[in-house]
């Protein structure tokens, strides 16, 4: 039974705050240009940019959960989401989604036209995914990857730095790995996956394992080439010392996926798994150290 009003706690959980960690991708633009000595204002702009994407993402999460409410009620984990569980009424969720989308885009415009354009494309892509693209085999995974790429592009746009092709390639491949792992997890966890999400009828675990293997290899190769041949890598050869962290991170992710059935919510699992959390932290600190040594 759906409640006529929503408790603040349930409404907040409906925004999926645990998934806001995905928006940390916006930090890539400033992280890999630390040698330019960014003023405090740039860090504030990136912070506001992350806030904008948190608002836009939560608006889409609300719309998506309303769209998938019946399917989510059949899912062992998603049935606990506030909208599927009846803790948040659909009109309340949609009203909040509109408020967040409008407020997010207004703030995006204030941060600059290019950032606003990227934010708008992100909003259009995520809405298209919710109602159309997620029903097209392979395109659904590419659309998910596109959302991460747009986050990386937004992080560069908000501080006016050039969007590196290497950044986009590595982000695309890493996001594809996450999207494929998510589909694999759904096939493994759900007893009748096709009834929950029709597109899952088009996938098989062997197919996804093969695609995951290809993308993992490509991701590692692209990152290695970045540390060797990119402008950043050539100016700072020590970037190659970050490669072991990427290798371990990818291997740890695959281990958790195959041995512990993870991959359904990569952003949340990144925060919860000590191995991935420590690895990510050490990778970030090492990248910062290498970039600052080049100043």
Protein backbone atom coordinates (compact mmCIF):
# COMPACT_ATOMS: atom_id res chain seq x y z
CA UNK A 1 0.00 0.00 0.00
CA UNK A 2 1.38 3.40 -1.01
CA UNK A 3 1.44 6.07 1.67
CA UNK A 4 -0.19 9.41 0.78
CA UNK A 5 2.93 11.22 1.96
CA UNK A 6 6.60 10.34 2.23
CA UNK A 7 8.77 10.41 5.31
CA UNK A 8 11.94 12.48 4.80
CA UNK A 9 14.12 9.41 5.25
CA UNK A 10 12.31 7.43 2.57
CA UNK A 11 12.31 10.41 0.22
CA UNK A 12 16.04 10.86 0.70
CA UNK A 13 16.71 7.16 0.04
CA UNK A 14 14.64 7.44 -3.15
CA UNK A 15 17.28 9.88 -4.43
CA UNK A 16 19.83 7.03 -4.23
CA UNK A 17 22.55 9.02 -2.46
CA UNK A 18 24.85 5.97 -2.51
CA UNK A 19 25.00 6.30 -6.29
CA UNK A 20 26.21 9.90 -6.10
CA UNK A 21 29.73 8.50 -5.92
CA UNK A 22 29.46 8.03 -9.71
CA UNK A 23 29.68 11.79 -10.06
CA UNK A 24 33.20 11.77 -8.64
CA UNK A 25 34.18 11.18 -12.29
CA UNK A 26 33.84 14.97 -12.66
CA UNK A 27 37.05 15.25 -10.64
CA UNK A 28 39.09 13.69 -13.46
CA UNK A 29 39.44 16.96 -15.36
CA UNK A 30 40.99 18.86 -12.47
CA UNK A 31 42.89 15.86 -11.10
CA UNK A 32 44.86 15.35 -14.31
CA UNK A 33 45.61 19.06 -14.74
CA UNK A 34 46.87 19.71 -11.22
CA UNK A 35 50.16 20.91 -12.64
CA UNK A 36 48.37 24.06 -13.83
CA UNK A 37 47.91 25.22 -10.27
CA UNK A 38 44.13 25.59 -10.20
CA UNK A 39 42.84 28.38 -7.96
CA UNK A 40 40.33 27.67 -5.22
CA UNK A 41 37.57 28.91 -7.51
CA UNK A 42 38.11 25.98 -9.89
CA UNK A 43 37.71 23.50 -7.05
CA UNK A 44 34.50 25.24 -6.01
CA UNK A 45 33.22 25.07 -9.60
CA UNK A 46 33.93 21.35 -9.74
CA UNK A 47 32.18 20.91 -6.41
CA UNK A 48 29.12 22.78 -7.66
CA UNK A 49 29.28 20.76 -10.88
CA UNK A 50 29.17 17.53 -8.90
CA UNK A 51 26.17 18.91 -7.01
CA UNK A 52 24.42 19.65 -10.32
CA UNK A 53 24.94 16.11 -11.55
CA UNK A 54 23.77 14.68 -8.23
CA UNK A 55 20.53 16.64 -8.63
CA UNK A 56 20.07 15.62 -12.28
CA UNK A 57 20.92 11.98 -11.57
CA UNK A 58 18.50 11.81 -8.64
CA UNK A 59 15.76 13.30 -10.81
CA UNK A 60 16.31 10.52 -13.34
CA UNK A 61 16.49 7.87 -10.61
CA UNK A 62 13.04 8.95 -9.43
CA UNK A 63 11.61 8.87 -12.96
CA UNK A 64 13.25 5.50 -13.63
CA UNK A 65 11.91 3.98 -10.41
CA UNK A 66 8.40 5.18 -11.25
CA UNK A 67 8.73 3.72 -14.76
CA UNK A 68 10.01 0.37 -13.47
CA UNK A 69 7.93 0.17 -10.29
CA UNK A 70 6.18 -3.10 -11.20
CA UNK A 71 9.37 -4.83 -12.34
CA UNK A 72 11.26 -3.60 -9.27
CA UNK A 73 8.68 -5.21 -7.00
CA UNK A 74 9.72 -8.60 -8.42
CA UNK A 75 13.44 -7.94 -7.86
CA UNK A 76 15.02 -9.31 -4.63
CA UNK A 77 16.94 -6.09 -3.99
CA UNK A 78 15.12 -3.36 -5.91
CA UNK A 79 11.78 -4.21 -4.25
CA UNK A 80 13.14 -2.47 -1.16
CA UNK A 81 13.47 0.86 -2.98
CA UNK A 82 11.09 3.45 -1.44
CA UNK A 83 8.88 3.82 -4.52
CA UNK A 84 8.60 0.09 -5.18
CA UNK A 85 7.97 -0.53 -1.46
CA UNK A 86 5.18 2.06 -1.41
CA UNK A 87 6.99 4.40 0.98
CA UNK A 88 7.00 7.25 -1.56
CA UNK A 89 3.92 8.02 -3.65
CA UNK A 90 4.41 8.28 -7.40
CA UNK A 91 3.05 11.88 -7.67
CA UNK A 92 5.46 12.97 -4.93
CA UNK A 93 8.38 11.29 -6.69
CA UNK A 94 7.57 12.86 -10.07
CA UNK A 95 7.08 16.31 -8.55
CA UNK A 96 10.44 16.12 -6.81
CA UNK A 97 12.05 14.89 -10.03
CA UNK A 98 10.82 17.98 -11.89
CA UNK A 99 12.08 20.29 -9.14
CA UNK A 100 15.53 18.65 -9.13
CA UNK A 101 15.82 18.70 -12.93
CA UNK A 102 14.85 22.38 -13.20
CA UNK A 103 17.07 23.44 -10.30
CA UNK A 104 19.97 21.36 -11.63
CA UNK A 105 19.76 22.85 -15.13
CA UNK A 106 19.43 26.39 -13.73
CA UNK A 107 22.62 25.86 -11.73
CA UNK A 108 24.31 24.33 -14.79
CA UNK A 109 23.57 27.45 -16.82
CA UNK A 110 25.10 29.57 -14.07
CA UNK A 111 28.32 27.52 -14.33
CA UNK A 112 28.75 28.23 -18.03
CA UNK A 113 27.25 27.46 -21.45
CA UNK A 114 29.47 24.48 -22.29
CA UNK A 115 28.86 22.84 -18.92
CA UNK A 116 25.13 23.52 -19.32
CA UNK A 117 25.18 21.91 -22.78
CA UNK A 118 26.90 18.77 -21.49
CA UNK A 119 24.43 18.64 -18.57
CA UNK A 120 21.50 18.92 -20.96
CA UNK A 121 22.85 16.13 -23.18
CA UNK A 122 23.29 13.99 -20.05
CA UNK A 123 19.69 14.68 -19.04
CA UNK A 124 18.39 13.83 -22.53
CA UNK A 125 20.48 10.65 -22.71
CA UNK A 126 19.32 9.40 -19.30
CA UNK A 127 15.66 10.11 -20.08
CA UNK A 128 16.07 8.36 -23.44
CA UNK A 129 17.63 5.41 -21.66
CA UNK A 130 14.75 5.20 -19.19
CA UNK A 131 12.05 5.09 -21.84
CA UNK A 132 13.75 3.70 -24.94
CA UNK A 133 17.44 2.84 -25.10
CA UNK A 134 17.42 0.33 -22.26
CA UNK A 135 15.17 -1.87 -24.39
CA UNK A 136 17.72 -2.17 -27.25
CA UNK A 137 20.35 -4.89 -26.90
CA UNK A 138 23.95 -3.60 -26.57
CA UNK A 139 22.73 -0.02 -27.05
CA UNK A 140 21.56 -0.13 -23.42
CA UNK A 141 25.11 -0.78 -22.22
CA UNK A 142 26.57 1.85 -24.55
CA UNK A 143 24.08 4.40 -23.21
CA UNK A 144 25.13 3.65 -19.64
CA UNK A 145 28.76 4.14 -20.66
CA UNK A 146 27.83 7.42 -22.33
CA UNK A 147 26.56 8.76 -19.02
CA UNK A 148 30.01 8.31 -17.47
CA UNK A 149 31.72 9.89 -20.47
CA UNK A 150 29.46 12.94 -20.19
CA UNK A 151 30.34 13.23 -16.50
CA UNK A 152 34.05 13.27 -17.37
CA UNK A 153 33.44 15.83 -20.13
CA UNK A 154 31.43 17.99 -17.73
CA UNK A 155 34.26 17.97 -15.20
CA UNK A 156 36.62 19.36 -17.83
CA UNK A 157 34.10 21.83 -19.21
CA UNK A 158 33.25 23.39 -15.85
CA UNK A 159 36.85 24.58 -15.35
CA UNK A 160 37.58 25.29 -19.01
CA UNK A 161 40.28 22.68 -19.64
CA UNK A 162 40.65 20.68 -22.83
CA UNK A 163 38.82 17.37 -22.83
CA UNK A 164 41.51 14.73 -23.34
CA UNK A 165 40.82 11.95 -25.83
CA UNK A 166 42.63 9.58 -23.48
CA UNK A 167 40.27 10.56 -20.66
CA UNK A 168 37.25 9.83 -22.84
CA UNK A 169 38.61 6.49 -24.10
CA UNK A 170 39.52 5.19 -20.64
CA UNK A 171 36.24 6.41 -19.17
CA UNK A 172 34.24 4.79 -21.99
CA UNK A 173 35.93 1.42 -21.57
CA UNK A 174 35.68 1.47 -17.78
CA UNK A 175 32.01 2.40 -17.99
CA UNK A 176 31.34 -0.38 -20.51
CA UNK A 177 32.86 -2.85 -18.06
CA UNK A 178 30.52 -1.61 -15.32
CA UNK A 179 27.48 -1.79 -17.61
CA UNK A 180 28.24 -5.31 -18.80
CA UNK A 181 28.87 -6.49 -15.23
CA UNK A 182 25.53 -5.02 -14.22
CA UNK A 183 23.71 -6.98 -16.93
CA UNK A 184 25.57 -10.16 -15.96
CA UNK A 185 24.60 -9.75 -12.32
CA UNK A 186 20.94 -9.36 -13.27
CA UNK A 187 21.04 -12.59 -15.28
CA UNK A 188 22.68 -14.50 -12.45
CA UNK A 189 20.64 -13.11 -9.54
CA UNK A 190 17.14 -13.11 -11.05
CA UNK A 191 15.38 -16.46 -11.41
CA UNK A 192 13.38 -15.31 -14.42
CA UNK A 193 15.43 -12.38 -15.63
CA UNK A 194 13.43 -11.88 -18.81
CA UNK A 195 10.21 -11.22 -16.91
CA UNK A 196 11.90 -8.52 -14.87
CA UNK A 197 13.64 -6.78 -17.79
CA UNK A 198 12.74 -7.94 -21.28
CA UNK A 199 16.10 -6.96 -22.76
CA UNK A 200 17.80 -9.57 -20.57
CA UNK A 201 16.31 -12.24 -22.85
CA UNK A 202 18.81 -11.06 -25.48
CA UNK A 203 21.85 -11.69 -23.26
CA UNK A 204 23.52 -14.83 -21.97
CA UNK A 205 26.16 -15.19 -19.27
CA UNK A 206 28.75 -16.66 -21.72
CA UNK A 207 28.19 -13.75 -24.12
CA UNK A 208 28.59 -11.18 -21.35
CA UNK A 209 31.68 -12.96 -19.99
CA UNK A 210 33.26 -12.76 -23.43
CA UNK A 211 32.40 -9.08 -23.80
CA UNK A 212 33.68 -8.37 -20.27
CA UNK A 213 36.97 -10.09 -21.11
CA UNK A 214 37.39 -7.98 -24.25
CA UNK A 215 36.55 -4.72 -22.50
CA UNK A 216 38.78 -5.50 -19.50
CA UNK A 217 41.75 -6.12 -21.78
CA UNK A 218 41.03 -2.97 -23.77
CA UNK A 219 40.66 -0.90 -20.58
CA UNK A 220 44.00 -2.03 -19.20
CA UNK A 221 45.73 -1.55 -22.56
CA UNK A 222 44.28 1.93 -23.02
CA UNK A 223 45.35 3.01 -19.54
CA UNK A 224 48.86 1.67 -20.05
CA UNK A 225 49.14 3.49 -23.38
CA UNK A 226 47.89 6.63 -21.65
CA UNK A 227 50.70 6.50 -19.09
CA UNK A 228 53.28 5.92 -21.84
CA UNK A 229 52.20 7.98 -24.85
CA UNK A 230 49.81 10.71 -23.74
CA UNK A 231 51.09 14.23 -23.24
CA UNK A 232 50.69 13.79 -19.49
CA UNK A 233 52.53 10.47 -19.55
CA UNK A 234 55.41 11.79 -21.64
CA UNK A 235 55.84 14.81 -19.39
CA UNK A 236 55.54 12.68 -16.24
CA UNK A 237 56.97 9.18 -16.81
CA UNK A 238 56.17 8.33 -13.18
CA UNK A 239 52.50 8.01 -14.19
CA UNK A 240 53.32 4.40 -15.06
CA UNK A 241 53.66 3.61 -11.34
CA UNK A 242 49.86 3.90 -11.16
CA UNK A 243 49.43 0.89 -13.48
CA UNK A 244 49.59 -1.75 -10.68
CA UNK A 245 46.64 -0.09 -8.93
CA UNK A 246 44.57 -0.28 -12.10
CA UNK A 247 45.53 -3.92 -12.64
CA UNK A 248 44.58 -4.83 -9.08
CA UNK A 249 41.36 -2.83 -9.25
CA UNK A 250 40.24 -4.59 -12.43
CA UNK A 251 41.22 -8.01 -11.08
CA UNK A 252 39.49 -7.32 -7.75
CA UNK A 253 36.33 -6.25 -9.56
CA UNK A 254 36.30 -9.45 -11.64
CA UNK A 255 37.00 -11.53 -8.53
CA UNK A 256 34.09 -9.96 -6.67
CA UNK A 257 31.85 -10.45 -9.70
CA UNK A 258 32.63 -14.15 -10.24
CA UNK A 259 33.19 -15.33 -6.67
CA UNK A 260 30.76 -13.17 -4.69
CA UNK A 261 28.06 -12.35 -7.22
CA UNK A 262 28.81 -8.63 -7.24
CA UNK A 263 28.48 -6.16 -10.10
CA UNK A 264 24.82 -5.25 -9.74
CA UNK A 265 25.58 -1.92 -8.07
CA UNK A 266 29.24 -1.11 -8.81
CA UNK A 267 29.18 2.37 -7.27
CA UNK A 268 27.87 1.06 -3.96
CA UNK A 269 30.22 -1.95 -4.04
CA UNK A 270 33.20 0.34 -4.63
CA UNK A 271 32.46 2.08 -1.34
CA UNK A 272 31.67 -1.12 0.56
CA UNK A 273 34.56 -3.35 -0.61
CA UNK A 274 37.77 -2.60 1.36
CA UNK A 275 40.00 -3.88 -1.44
CA UNK A 276 38.51 -1.63 -4.12
CA UNK A 277 38.24 1.32 -1.73
CA UNK A 278 41.89 1.17 -0.65
CA UNK A 279 43.06 0.56 -4.21
CA UNK A 280 41.05 3.51 -5.52
CA UNK A 281 42.34 5.75 -2.75
CA UNK A 282 45.98 4.80 -3.35
CA UNK A 283 45.56 5.26 -7.10
CA UNK A 284 44.09 8.73 -6.60
CA UNK A 285 46.78 9.82 -4.14
CA UNK A 286 49.53 8.50 -6.40
CA UNK A 287 48.08 10.36 -9.40
CA UNK A 288 47.91 13.57 -7.36
CA UNK A 289 51.49 13.13 -6.21
CA UNK A 290 52.77 12.53 -9.74
CA UNK A 291 50.88 15.52 -11.12
CA UNK A 292 52.08 17.86 -8.35
CA UNK A 293 55.69 16.77 -8.87
CA UNK A 294 55.39 18.09 -12.41
CA UNK A 295 54.54 21.63 -11.36
